[in-house]
């Protein structure tokens, strides 16, 4: 699965759209990167740009944007209301999907080092990419802003992490840049069945991390209690990593609690929603739904959907689209206007830009007709992977039916776990349907390389061997993944809904066919690979899986026959 990160660089230009468009446009010169938003501010004289993609491509896009900003922005002439110390003031990377914060921080440091070395811009690493605790806080890195930079970068305490530590003409023009890694920020508004801003604010103060000022006598109108430094003593709210206020939205004619969520791993969206509902109810107010502002990672909705399914004691091993539907309905994300995940979820937006035609997106009829055509792909490898996916689907179906069976409520979680495992295996095998065809196409591409001289012949031969090795590995992975189907099918024959025992048995038949079919592809492709040590090893492993698959199939069928 692809790793996806978001980049949200802030540039010190918010008035000249020619400059802004040139800088933001650099992100679109990198294939695989999608520009999501360009948000200029005239008063702040600052523009926030948002783009997403795979880490390497996003870092390349960020570098190009920073380079263009260095060319076009002169910090010696910059004035604006927002704190800043460089043409590219900050450049945070944000993990979105299939990547950890630690990995994202490593990419941020690599980007920071490249900017410092190649562009000669002083760079400070902040938040999760910081090398010291004091530099985690952006305000510390940017203290005194651009005007203090000349003196600060020369000091031992504030020498940049990368780039020059002297205030040259180039640095005077570009200023410094802070590159970091941080969590995804979600902006969400909770819709209330009231027009009272005061009540919305009260709920916001109940939940936001900062809370509300403590007052004498515990009264809402009592005098605010202050500490020795003269600062108000605060009563913390119930939700960590959140900021919130109440307001009235004339467009909708309702009050809302408007919240920024700064760390979803600390406070997930569904937890915040339930807590706002609880606090609202205590004040006689009802939350009718929520409005997500901007884009969100898919995981936010998946986690929410699974949370609410578990509260209902329902199986979580259902299709991704159904899980997201549960999340949308549970939190009322379509309360004020339609909520289309294809337009709000970052991963879906990226998929929409991928013009690749996938076999798994075809209708059953179209897939069968394409297979029956004179085209050599899809072939036996893709069909094997698809049979494995069908086997996993059948086992998962039995698990879901069993989870929902009347009188079996106490076992719902057991069957849900099996169904979730089945969904993961099914998704992996569906990926392998197209990957097997891609591996075949790579071989064809390698054979199509030029061979007019010795150098070209050597490059062509190496490419053929690399592609051939991959064409062995893909069906071998299909064998491994399809073999995992037997565990689900056996469990469902043993403990699943007795009315569906034959469905689980057919799933085992599909799994066996998938394993043996993929085994044939491993063997035929292995004959063309020169790396005999690799070939001998993988053939031995494949032979064992094939033999074990036939044993597993017979065991499941024998067990199923005893229950008929």
Protein backbone atom coordinates (compact mmCIF):
# COMPACT_ATOMS: atom_id res chain seq x y z
CA UNK A 1 0.00 0.00 0.00
CA UNK A 2 1.24 3.47 -0.87
CA UNK A 3 2.65 5.73 1.80
CA UNK A 4 1.07 9.17 1.62
CA UNK A 5 2.14 12.40 3.28
CA UNK A 6 0.84 15.94 3.13
CA UNK A 7 2.99 19.06 2.87
CA UNK A 8 1.70 22.46 4.05
CA UNK A 9 4.38 25.08 3.32
CA UNK A 10 3.71 28.70 4.30
CA UNK A 11 5.23 31.34 2.03
CA UNK A 12 5.81 35.00 2.89
CA UNK A 13 3.77 36.39 0.03
CA UNK A 14 0.01 36.79 0.13
CA UNK A 15 -0.71 39.64 -2.26
CA UNK A 16 1.00 39.07 -5.60
CA UNK A 17 -0.91 36.19 -7.25
CA UNK A 18 1.68 35.96 -10.02
CA UNK A 19 4.37 35.06 -7.47
CA UNK A 20 1.99 32.84 -5.49
CA UNK A 21 0.94 30.87 -8.55
CA UNK A 22 4.52 30.37 -9.67
CA UNK A 23 5.52 28.98 -6.28
CA UNK A 24 2.47 26.73 -5.87
CA UNK A 25 2.75 25.62 -9.49
CA UNK A 26 6.12 24.03 -8.79
CA UNK A 27 4.35 21.29 -6.83
CA UNK A 28 2.43 20.29 -9.95
CA UNK A 29 5.63 19.72 -11.91
CA UNK A 30 6.27 16.55 -9.90
CA UNK A 31 4.39 13.51 -11.16
CA UNK A 32 2.24 11.88 -8.49
CA UNK A 33 1.84 15.03 -6.40
CA UNK A 34 -1.62 16.61 -6.15
CA UNK A 35 -2.02 20.29 -5.30
CA UNK A 36 -5.04 20.51 -2.99
CA UNK A 37 -5.25 24.13 -1.90
CA UNK A 38 -3.68 27.59 -2.24
CA UNK A 39 -4.85 29.99 0.47
CA UNK A 40 -3.39 33.53 0.26
CA UNK A 41 -3.90 36.19 2.95
CA UNK A 42 -3.43 39.85 2.13
CA UNK A 43 -3.24 41.19 5.69
CA UNK A 44 -0.80 38.53 6.81
CA UNK A 45 1.02 38.72 3.46
CA UNK A 46 1.30 34.96 3.65
CA UNK A 47 0.06 31.99 1.59
CA UNK A 48 -0.57 28.46 2.79
CA UNK A 49 -0.17 25.79 0.10
CA UNK A 50 -1.27 22.17 0.53
CA UNK A 51 -0.24 19.20 -1.60
CA UNK A 52 -0.08 15.45 -1.08
CA UNK A 53 1.51 12.33 -2.54
CA UNK A 54 4.13 9.70 -1.83
CA UNK A 55 7.00 10.86 0.42
CA UNK A 56 9.79 11.08 -2.16
CA UNK A 57 7.66 12.98 -4.65
CA UNK A 58 6.25 15.33 -1.99
CA UNK A 59 9.75 16.15 -0.74
CA UNK A 60 10.85 16.89 -4.29
CA UNK A 61 7.84 19.14 -4.80
CA UNK A 62 8.55 20.92 -1.51
CA UNK A 63 12.16 21.51 -2.52
CA UNK A 64 11.10 23.02 -5.85
CA UNK A 65 8.58 25.30 -4.15
CA UNK A 66 11.18 26.45 -1.61
CA UNK A 67 13.67 27.11 -4.41
CA UNK A 68 11.13 29.16 -6.38
CA UNK A 69 10.19 31.14 -3.25
CA UNK A 70 13.88 31.88 -2.72
CA UNK A 71 14.05 33.29 -6.25
CA UNK A 72 10.89 35.40 -6.10
CA UNK A 73 10.57 36.65 -2.50
CA UNK A 74 12.88 39.22 -0.90
CA UNK A 75 12.51 39.14 2.87
CA UNK A 76 14.22 42.52 3.19
CA UNK A 77 11.04 44.05 1.78
CA UNK A 78 8.46 41.86 3.50
CA UNK A 79 5.81 43.23 5.85
CA UNK A 80 2.81 41.36 7.23
CA UNK A 81 0.79 40.66 10.37
CA UNK A 82 1.86 37.02 10.75
CA UNK A 83 5.12 36.00 12.50
CA UNK A 84 7.73 34.98 9.89
CA UNK A 85 11.46 34.64 9.35
CA UNK A 86 11.83 33.39 5.80
CA UNK A 87 10.53 33.37 2.25
CA UNK A 88 9.43 29.82 2.94
CA UNK A 89 8.59 30.38 6.58
CA UNK A 90 7.59 26.87 7.57
CA UNK A 91 7.37 23.59 5.70
CA UNK A 92 5.72 20.82 7.74
CA UNK A 93 5.27 17.25 6.51
CA UNK A 94 2.21 15.39 7.79
CA UNK A 95 1.68 11.60 7.76
CA UNK A 96 -1.61 10.73 6.05
CA UNK A 97 -1.65 7.00 5.26
CA UNK A 98 0.54 3.92 5.82
CA UNK A 99 3.46 5.87 7.28
CA UNK A 100 4.55 6.57 10.85
CA UNK A 101 5.44 9.88 12.39
CA UNK A 102 9.02 8.62 12.84
CA UNK A 103 9.33 7.94 9.11
CA UNK A 104 7.79 11.30 8.27
CA UNK A 105 10.24 13.07 10.58
CA UNK A 106 13.12 11.30 8.82
CA UNK A 107 11.88 12.62 5.46
CA UNK A 108 11.59 16.11 6.97
CA UNK A 109 15.21 16.01 8.11
CA UNK A 110 16.35 14.81 4.69
CA UNK A 111 14.47 17.67 3.05
CA UNK A 112 15.92 20.14 5.57
CA UNK A 113 19.44 18.94 4.86
CA UNK A 114 18.97 19.24 1.09
CA UNK A 115 17.53 22.76 1.38
CA UNK A 116 20.44 23.81 3.57
CA UNK A 117 23.12 22.31 1.32
CA UNK A 118 21.78 23.01 -2.16
CA UNK A 119 19.97 26.32 -1.61
CA UNK A 120 22.15 27.73 1.19
CA UNK A 121 19.12 28.57 3.31
CA UNK A 122 19.41 28.32 7.12
CA UNK A 123 17.05 25.55 8.21
CA UNK A 124 15.66 24.71 11.65
CA UNK A 125 14.01 21.34 12.25
CA UNK A 126 10.95 21.67 14.49
CA UNK A 127 8.16 19.66 16.12
CA UNK A 128 8.68 15.90 15.57
CA UNK A 129 11.70 16.49 13.31
CA UNK A 130 13.53 18.59 15.93
CA UNK A 131 16.95 17.45 17.17
CA UNK A 132 16.45 19.13 20.58
CA UNK A 133 13.41 19.68 22.78
CA UNK A 134 13.72 23.46 22.72
CA UNK A 135 13.47 23.46 18.93
CA UNK A 136 10.27 21.42 18.89
CA UNK A 137 8.40 24.68 19.50
CA UNK A 138 8.23 26.74 16.32
CA UNK A 139 7.92 29.95 18.30
CA UNK A 140 11.35 29.30 19.85
CA UNK A 141 12.94 28.78 16.44
CA UNK A 142 11.30 31.90 15.03
CA UNK A 143 11.79 34.15 18.07
CA UNK A 144 12.46 37.74 17.03
CA UNK A 145 11.34 36.83 13.50
CA UNK A 146 13.31 37.86 10.42
CA UNK A 147 14.58 41.04 12.08
CA UNK A 148 16.49 39.02 14.73
CA UNK A 149 17.87 36.43 12.33
CA UNK A 150 21.15 38.24 11.61
CA UNK A 151 22.28 38.00 15.24
CA UNK A 152 20.67 34.67 16.15
CA UNK A 153 22.11 32.37 13.46
CA UNK A 154 25.64 33.32 14.53
CA UNK A 155 25.10 32.10 18.11
CA UNK A 156 25.90 28.62 19.36
CA UNK A 157 22.40 28.23 20.84
CA UNK A 158 20.60 29.09 17.60
CA UNK A 159 22.95 27.94 14.91
CA UNK A 160 20.76 26.40 12.15
CA UNK A 161 20.49 22.61 11.95
CA UNK A 162 21.42 22.82 8.28
CA UNK A 163 22.67 25.53 5.95
CA UNK A 164 24.76 28.68 6.58
CA UNK A 165 25.21 30.29 9.98
CA UNK A 166 26.30 33.65 8.61
CA UNK A 167 24.02 36.43 7.39
CA UNK A 168 25.13 36.65 3.76
CA UNK A 169 23.35 38.59 1.01
CA UNK A 170 21.64 35.36 -0.03
CA UNK A 171 20.40 34.69 3.51
CA UNK A 172 19.30 38.31 3.88
CA UNK A 173 17.05 37.79 0.86
CA UNK A 174 15.73 34.30 1.66
CA UNK A 175 15.65 34.40 5.45
CA UNK A 176 15.43 31.05 7.25
CA UNK A 177 13.06 28.12 6.94
CA UNK A 178 11.61 25.76 9.55
CA UNK A 179 11.06 22.21 8.30
CA UNK A 180 9.15 19.83 10.54
CA UNK A 181 6.85 16.86 10.91
CA UNK A 182 3.53 17.21 12.71
CA UNK A 183 0.20 15.51 13.08
CA UNK A 184 -2.70 16.11 10.75
CA UNK A 185 -4.96 18.98 11.79
CA UNK A 186 -8.71 18.48 11.48
CA UNK A 187 -11.15 21.38 11.59
CA UNK A 188 -14.67 20.29 12.51
CA UNK A 189 -17.84 22.15 13.46
CA UNK A 190 -20.47 20.48 15.64
CA UNK A 191 -24.02 21.51 14.72
CA UNK A 192 -26.30 22.36 17.64
CA UNK A 193 -30.09 22.58 17.88
CA UNK A 194 -29.81 26.07 19.30
CA UNK A 195 -29.14 29.59 18.10
CA UNK A 196 -27.38 30.56 21.35
CA UNK A 197 -23.74 31.46 20.92
CA UNK A 198 -23.40 31.61 24.71
CA UNK A 199 -24.46 28.00 25.07
CA UNK A 200 -22.21 26.94 22.19
CA UNK A 201 -19.30 28.69 23.89
CA UNK A 202 -20.08 27.00 27.18
CA UNK A 203 -19.93 23.58 25.50
CA UNK A 204 -16.69 24.56 23.74
CA UNK A 205 -15.13 25.56 27.08
CA UNK A 206 -16.30 22.25 28.60
CA UNK A 207 -14.36 20.20 26.07
CA UNK A 208 -11.39 22.19 24.77
CA UNK A 209 -8.04 21.37 26.36
CA UNK A 210 -7.51 24.92 27.60
CA UNK A 211 -10.85 24.85 29.37
CA UNK A 212 -12.25 27.98 31.02
CA UNK A 213 -11.07 30.52 33.63
CA UNK A 214 -11.76 29.59 37.25
CA UNK A 215 -14.10 32.06 38.97
CA UNK A 216 -14.81 32.90 42.58
CA UNK A 217 -17.70 30.93 44.02
CA UNK A 218 -17.79 28.69 40.97
CA UNK A 219 -20.18 31.13 39.32
CA UNK A 220 -20.10 31.95 35.63
CA UNK A 221 -20.21 35.64 36.58
CA UNK A 222 -17.81 35.49 39.52
CA UNK A 223 -14.49 37.27 39.47
CA UNK A 224 -11.77 35.41 37.55
CA UNK A 225 -9.14 33.91 39.86
CA UNK A 226 -5.55 34.70 38.87
CA UNK A 227 -2.21 33.13 39.79
CA UNK A 228 0.87 34.85 41.22
CA UNK A 229 1.89 36.02 37.76
CA UNK A 230 -1.51 37.59 37.18
CA UNK A 231 -2.60 34.96 34.69
CA UNK A 232 -6.09 33.42 34.91
CA UNK A 233 -6.25 30.02 36.62
CA UNK A 234 -7.82 27.63 34.13
CA UNK A 235 -10.14 24.67 34.64
CA UNK A 236 -9.00 22.20 31.93
CA UNK A 237 -11.51 20.81 29.45
CA UNK A 238 -12.08 17.13 28.78
CA UNK A 239 -10.46 16.74 25.37
CA UNK A 240 -6.69 16.88 24.96
CA UNK A 241 -5.16 18.39 21.80
CA UNK A 242 -8.26 20.41 20.93
CA UNK A 243 -9.10 24.08 20.59
CA UNK A 244 -12.71 25.21 20.42
CA UNK A 245 -15.07 28.20 20.45
CA UNK A 246 -18.79 28.67 19.95
CA UNK A 247 -20.31 30.77 17.19
CA UNK A 248 -23.52 31.41 15.26
CA UNK A 249 -23.62 30.59 11.54
CA UNK A 250 -26.09 32.81 9.74
CA UNK A 251 -25.97 30.64 6.60
CA UNK A 252 -27.41 27.67 8.51
CA UNK A 253 -29.28 29.56 11.21
CA UNK A 254 -27.68 27.52 14.02
CA UNK A 255 -24.93 27.75 16.60
CA UNK A 256 -21.89 25.52 16.31
CA UNK A 257 -18.95 24.41 18.40
CA UNK A 258 -15.99 25.06 16.10
CA UNK A 259 -13.01 22.85 16.94
CA UNK A 260 -9.44 22.41 15.72
CA UNK A 261 -8.06 18.96 16.51
CA UNK A 262 -4.28 19.03 16.62
CA UNK A 263 -3.42 15.40 17.42
CA UNK A 264 -5.82 12.70 16.26
CA UNK A 265 -3.78 9.98 17.93
CA UNK A 266 -4.53 11.65 21.29
CA UNK A 267 -8.14 12.58 20.58
CA UNK A 268 -9.75 10.88 17.54
CA UNK A 269 -12.69 12.54 15.82
CA UNK A 270 -15.26 10.00 17.02
CA UNK A 271 -14.16 10.45 20.65
CA UNK A 272 -14.49 14.21 20.33
CA UNK A 273 -17.93 13.88 18.72
CA UNK A 274 -19.28 11.71 21.52
CA UNK A 275 -17.83 14.01 24.19
CA UNK A 276 -19.33 17.13 22.61
CA UNK A 277 -22.66 15.27 22.47
CA UNK A 278 -22.36 14.39 26.17
CA UNK A 279 -21.50 17.92 27.28
CA UNK A 280 -24.19 19.42 25.06
CA UNK A 281 -26.82 17.09 26.55
CA UNK A 282 -25.86 18.20 30.06
CA UNK A 283 -26.77 21.74 28.99
CA UNK A 284 -30.05 20.72 27.35
CA UNK A 285 -28.63 20.98 23.84
CA UNK A 286 -28.43 18.29 21.16
CA UNK A 287 -25.71 17.82 18.56
CA UNK A 288 -27.46 17.19 15.24
CA UNK A 289 -24.33 16.45 13.24
CA UNK A 290 -20.86 17.64 12.35
CA UNK A 291 -19.26 19.51 9.49
CA UNK A 292 -15.70 18.66 8.45
CA UNK A 293 -13.86 21.66 7.05
CA UNK A 294 -11.34 20.81 4.36
CA UNK A 295 -9.92 17.34 3.73
CA UNK A 296 -9.25 14.39 6.02
CA UNK A 297 -7.24 11.16 5.88
CA UNK A 298 -9.29 8.04 5.25
CA UNK A 299 -8.17 6.55 8.57
CA UNK A 300 -10.20 9.17 10.47
CA UNK A 301 -13.44 7.82 9.01
CA UNK A 302 -12.40 4.17 9.13
CA UNK A 303 -11.51 4.43 12.82
CA UNK A 304 -14.83 6.17 13.51
CA UNK A 305 -16.84 3.62 11.57
CA UNK A 306 -15.21 0.72 13.39
CA UNK A 307 -15.76 2.46 16.74
CA UNK A 308 -19.50 2.82 16.13
CA UNK A 309 -19.84 -0.71 14.73
CA UNK A 310 -18.26 -2.07 17.89
CA UNK A 311 -20.65 -0.03 20.02
CA UNK A 312 -23.47 -1.74 18.14
CA UNK A 313 -21.74 -5.13 18.57
CA UNK A 314 -21.65 -5.51 14.80
CA UNK A 315 -18.95 -7.10 12.67
CA UNK A 316 -16.21 -4.73 11.54
CA UNK A 317 -15.16 -7.06 8.71
CA UNK A 318 -17.24 -5.30 6.07
CA UNK A 319 -16.33 -3.30 2.96
CA UNK A 320 -14.46 -0.04 3.43
CA UNK A 321 -17.28 1.90 1.80
CA UNK A 322 -19.77 0.50 4.33
CA UNK A 323 -17.51 1.35 7.27
CA UNK A 324 -17.26 4.94 6.02
CA UNK A 325 -21.04 5.10 5.57
CA UNK A 326 -21.47 4.10 9.22
CA UNK A 327 -19.05 6.89 10.24
CA UNK A 328 -20.88 9.49 8.15
CA UNK A 329 -24.29 8.56 9.52
CA UNK A 330 -23.10 8.13 13.13
CA UNK A 331 -21.61 11.62 13.28
CA UNK A 332 -24.14 13.29 10.99
CA UNK A 333 -21.50 14.47 8.55
CA UNK A 334 -24.28 14.91 5.98
CA UNK A 335 -26.48 16.95 8.35
CA UNK A 336 -26.11 20.32 6.60
CA UNK A 337 -25.15 19.21 3.11
CA UNK A 338 -24.24 15.99 1.28
CA UNK A 339 -20.95 14.41 2.36
CA UNK A 340 -19.10 12.78 -0.53
CA UNK A 341 -16.04 10.80 0.65
CA UNK A 342 -14.62 10.97 -2.88
CA UNK A 343 -14.35 14.74 -2.48
CA UNK A 344 -13.32 14.89 1.19
CA UNK A 345 -10.88 12.01 1.69
CA UNK A 346 -7.29 12.64 0.61
CA UNK A 347 -6.58 9.09 -0.55
CA UNK A 348 -9.68 9.03 -2.77
CA UNK A 349 -8.69 12.31 -4.39
CA UNK A 350 -5.30 10.84 -5.22
CA UNK A 351 -6.89 7.70 -6.63
CA UNK A 352 -9.10 9.84 -8.84
CA UNK A 353 -5.97 11.29 -10.44
CA UNK A 354 -4.64 7.81 -11.17
CA UNK A 355 -5.74 7.08 -14.73
CA UNK A 356 -4.66 3.43 -14.62
CA UNK A 357 -7.42 1.06 -15.69
CA UNK A 358 -7.58 -1.77 -13.19
CA UNK A 359 -8.87 -5.25 -13.83
CA UNK A 360 -10.55 -5.31 -10.44
CA UNK A 361 -12.63 -2.26 -11.40
CA UNK A 362 -14.20 -4.12 -14.34
CA UNK A 363 -17.60 -5.75 -14.23
CA UNK A 364 -17.59 -9.53 -13.92
CA UNK A 365 -18.64 -9.78 -17.56
CA UNK A 366 -15.97 -7.37 -18.81
CA UNK A 367 -13.29 -9.18 -16.80
CA UNK A 368 -14.31 -12.54 -18.26
CA UNK A 369 -14.41 -11.12 -21.80
CA UNK A 370 -11.00 -9.47 -21.40
CA UNK A 371 -9.58 -12.77 -20.17
CA UNK A 372 -11.11 -14.61 -23.13
CA UNK A 373 -9.69 -12.13 -25.66
CA UNK A 374 -6.50 -12.55 -27.69
CA UNK A 375 -4.60 -10.40 -25.17
CA UNK A 376 -2.15 -12.51 -23.09
CA UNK A 377 -3.06 -10.60 -19.93
CA UNK A 378 -4.86 -11.08 -17.66
CA UNK A 379 -3.69 -14.64 -17.53
CA UNK A 380 -3.49 -17.50 -15.09
CA UNK A 381 -1.68 -15.47 -12.43
CA UNK A 382 -4.36 -12.79 -12.23
CA UNK A 383 -7.13 -15.38 -12.34
CA UNK A 384 -5.45 -17.30 -9.50
CA UNK A 385 -5.29 -14.18 -7.36
CA UNK A 386 -8.95 -13.46 -8.09
CA UNK A 387 -9.99 -16.99 -7.15
CA UNK A 388 -8.13 -16.51 -3.88
CA UNK A 389 -9.99 -13.24 -3.31
CA UNK A 390 -13.31 -15.00 -3.89
CA UNK A 391 -12.31 -17.70 -1.40
CA UNK A 392 -11.49 -15.05 1.20
CA UNK A 393 -14.79 -13.31 0.43
CA UNK A 394 -16.79 -16.49 1.02
CA UNK A 395 -15.09 -17.14 4.35
CA UNK A 396 -15.68 -13.52 5.33
CA UNK A 397 -19.32 -13.74 4.33
CA UNK A 398 -19.85 -16.70 6.66
CA UNK A 399 -18.13 -14.81 9.48
CA UNK A 400 -20.39 -11.80 8.99
CA UNK A 401 -23.52 -13.94 8.80
CA UNK A 402 -22.49 -15.72 11.98
CA UNK A 403 -21.78 -12.43 13.76
CA UNK A 404 -25.31 -11.29 12.99
CA UNK A 405 -27.06 -14.60 13.72
CA UNK A 406 -29.87 -14.37 16.25
CA UNK A 407 -28.91 -15.91 19.58
CA UNK A 408 -25.18 -15.68 18.86
CA UNK A 409 -24.74 -12.12 20.15
CA UNK A 410 -22.08 -13.12 22.68
CA UNK A 411 -19.86 -14.39 19.86
CA UNK A 412 -20.07 -11.29 17.63
CA UNK A 413 -16.52 -10.15 18.40
CA UNK A 414 -15.00 -13.55 17.55
CA UNK A 415 -16.67 -13.57 14.15
CA UNK A 416 -15.89 -9.89 13.62
CA UNK A 417 -12.18 -10.64 14.10
CA UNK A 418 -12.36 -13.42 11.51
CA UNK A 419 -14.23 -11.16 9.10
CA UNK A 420 -11.66 -8.39 9.49
CA UNK A 421 -8.87 -10.86 8.74
CA UNK A 422 -10.77 -12.04 5.68
CA UNK A 423 -11.20 -8.49 4.41
CA UNK A 424 -7.46 -7.86 4.70
CA UNK A 425 -6.61 -11.05 2.79
CA UNK A 426 -9.24 -10.29 0.15
CA UNK A 427 -7.85 -6.78 -0.39
CA UNK A 428 -4.28 -8.09 -0.69
CA UNK A 429 -5.34 -10.66 -3.27
CA UNK A 430 -7.32 -8.10 -5.26
CA UNK A 431 -4.17 -6.00 -5.43
CA UNK A 432 -2.28 -9.04 -6.73
CA UNK A 433 -4.84 -9.47 -9.55
CA UNK A 434 -3.53 -6.33 -11.22
CA UNK A 435 0.02 -6.69 -9.95
CA UNK A 436 0.39 -10.02 -11.74
CA UNK A 437 -0.59 -8.36 -15.01
CA UNK A 438 1.77 -5.46 -14.27
CA UNK A 439 4.63 -7.91 -13.71
CA UNK A 440 3.92 -9.51 -17.09
CA UNK A 441 3.90 -6.09 -18.75
CA UNK A 442 7.27 -5.29 -17.16
CA UNK A 443 8.75 -8.34 -18.85
CA UNK A 444 7.30 -7.25 -22.19
CA UNK A 445 8.69 -3.75 -21.68
CA UNK A 446 12.13 -5.19 -20.93
CA UNK A 447 12.08 -7.32 -24.09
CA UNK A 448 11.15 -4.18 -26.02
CA UNK A 449 14.30 -2.31 -24.94
CA UNK A 450 16.87 -1.40 -27.65
CA UNK A 451 19.76 -3.81 -28.33
CA UNK A 452 21.81 -2.12 -31.03
CA UNK A 453 25.10 -2.20 -29.09
CA UNK A 454 26.76 -4.09 -26.25
CA UNK A 455 25.79 -1.50 -23.63
CA UNK A 456 22.13 -1.58 -24.65
CA UNK A 457 22.18 -5.37 -24.79
CA UNK A 458 23.56 -5.56 -21.25
CA UNK A 459 20.96 -3.11 -19.94
CA UNK A 460 18.20 -5.04 -21.70
CA UNK A 461 19.38 -8.38 -20.34
CA UNK A 462 19.57 -6.99 -16.78
CA UNK A 463 16.09 -5.50 -17.10
CA UNK A 464 14.68 -8.82 -18.33
CA UNK A 465 16.19 -10.65 -15.39
CA UNK A 466 14.88 -8.08 -12.88
CA UNK A 467 11.39 -8.22 -14.40
CA UNK A 468 11.45 -12.02 -14.51
CA UNK A 469 12.40 -12.24 -10.84
CA UNK A 470 9.49 -9.98 -9.96
CA UNK A 471 7.18 -12.09 -12.13
CA UNK A 472 8.17 -15.05 -9.94
CA UNK A 473 7.73 -13.17 -6.66
CA UNK A 474 4.20 -11.93 -7.45
CA UNK A 475 2.57 -15.37 -7.93
CA UNK A 476 4.57 -16.66 -4.97
CA UNK A 477 3.00 -13.91 -2.84
CA UNK A 478 -0.37 -14.97 -4.27
CA UNK A 479 0.33 -18.51 -3.05
CA UNK A 480 1.22 -17.29 0.43
CA UNK A 481 -1.78 -15.00 0.71
CA UNK A 482 -4.26 -17.50 -0.74
CA UNK A 483 -3.04 -20.14 1.71
CA UNK A 484 -4.15 -17.86 4.56
CA UNK A 485 -7.73 -18.28 3.33
CA UNK A 486 -7.81 -21.86 4.64
CA UNK A 487 -7.65 -20.67 8.26
CA UNK A 488 -10.81 -18.62 7.83
CA UNK A 489 -12.71 -21.26 5.89
CA UNK A 490 -11.81 -24.00 8.37
CA UNK A 491 -12.88 -21.87 11.32
CA UNK A 492 -16.18 -21.04 9.64
CA UNK A 493 -16.88 -24.71 8.89
CA UNK A 494 -16.13 -25.53 12.51
CA UNK A 495 -17.88 -22.71 14.39
CA UNK A 496 -19.73 -20.64 11.80
CA UNK A 497 -23.38 -20.51 10.89
CA UNK A 498 -24.26 -24.15 10.06
CA UNK A 499 -26.52 -23.00 7.23
CA UNK A 500 -23.45 -21.60 5.44
CA UNK A 501 -21.00 -24.45 5.91
CA UNK A 502 -20.94 -25.18 2.18
CA UNK A 503 -20.05 -21.53 1.41
CA UNK A 504 -16.96 -21.85 3.57
CA UNK A 505 -16.12 -25.15 1.87
CA UNK A 506 -16.38 -23.55 -1.57
CA UNK A 507 -14.05 -20.86 -0.25
CA UNK A 508 -11.51 -23.60 0.46
CA UNK A 509 -11.90 -24.92 -3.10
CA UNK A 510 -11.17 -21.41 -4.42
CA UNK A 511 -8.13 -21.11 -2.16
CA UNK A 512 -6.69 -24.43 -3.35
CA UNK A 513 -7.18 -23.45 -7.01
CA UNK A 514 -5.54 -20.08 -6.32
CA UNK A 515 -2.50 -21.69 -4.68
CA UNK A 516 -2.01 -24.33 -7.37
CA UNK A 517 -2.64 -21.89 -10.21
CA UNK A 518 -0.11 -19.40 -8.85
CA UNK A 519 2.33 -22.28 -8.31
CA UNK A 520 2.24 -23.04 -12.03
CA UNK A 521 3.15 -19.42 -12.76
CA UNK A 522 6.04 -19.51 -10.30
CA UNK A 523 7.42 -22.61 -11.99
CA UNK A 524 7.11 -21.41 -15.58
CA UNK A 525 8.68 -18.02 -14.87
CA UNK A 526 11.48 -19.58 -12.79
CA UNK A 527 12.77 -21.37 -15.88
CA UNK A 528 13.95 -18.05 -17.37
CA UNK A 529 15.86 -16.73 -14.35
CA UNK A 530 19.64 -17.11 -14.18
CA UNK A 531 19.84 -16.70 -10.40
CA UNK A 532 19.69 -20.41 -9.61
CA UNK A 533 20.10 -20.02 -5.86
CA UNK A 534 17.00 -17.81 -5.74
CA UNK A 535 15.12 -20.19 -8.05
CA UNK A 536 15.92 -23.30 -6.00
CA UNK A 537 14.90 -21.62 -2.77
CA UNK A 538 11.59 -20.20 -3.99
CA UNK A 539 10.62 -23.39 -5.83
CA UNK A 540 11.15 -25.44 -2.68
CA UNK A 541 9.00 -23.04 -0.65
CA UNK A 542 6.32 -22.96 -3.35
CA UNK A 543 6.22 -26.77 -3.56
CA UNK A 544 5.59 -27.01 0.18
CA UNK A 545 2.76 -24.45 0.08
CA UNK A 546 1.15 -26.30 -2.84
CA UNK A 547 1.28 -29.64 -1.02
CA UNK A 548 0.00 -28.12 2.23
CA UNK A 549 -2.86 -26.46 0.34
CA UNK A 550 -4.14 -29.79 -0.96
CA UNK A 551 -4.00 -31.26 2.54
CA UNK A 552 -5.83 -28.24 4.00
CA UNK A 553 -8.51 -28.39 1.32
CA UNK A 554 -9.20 -32.09 1.95
CA UNK A 555 -9.39 -31.54 5.70
CA UNK A 556 -11.94 -28.74 5.29
CA UNK A 557 -14.05 -30.67 2.79
CA UNK A 558 -14.07 -33.78 4.98
CA UNK A 559 -15.16 -31.65 7.92
CA UNK A 560 -17.88 -29.96 5.86
CA UNK A 561 -19.21 -33.30 4.63
CA UNK A 562 -19.68 -34.48 8.21
CA UNK A 563 -22.01 -31.52 8.79
CA UNK A 564 -24.20 -32.00 5.72
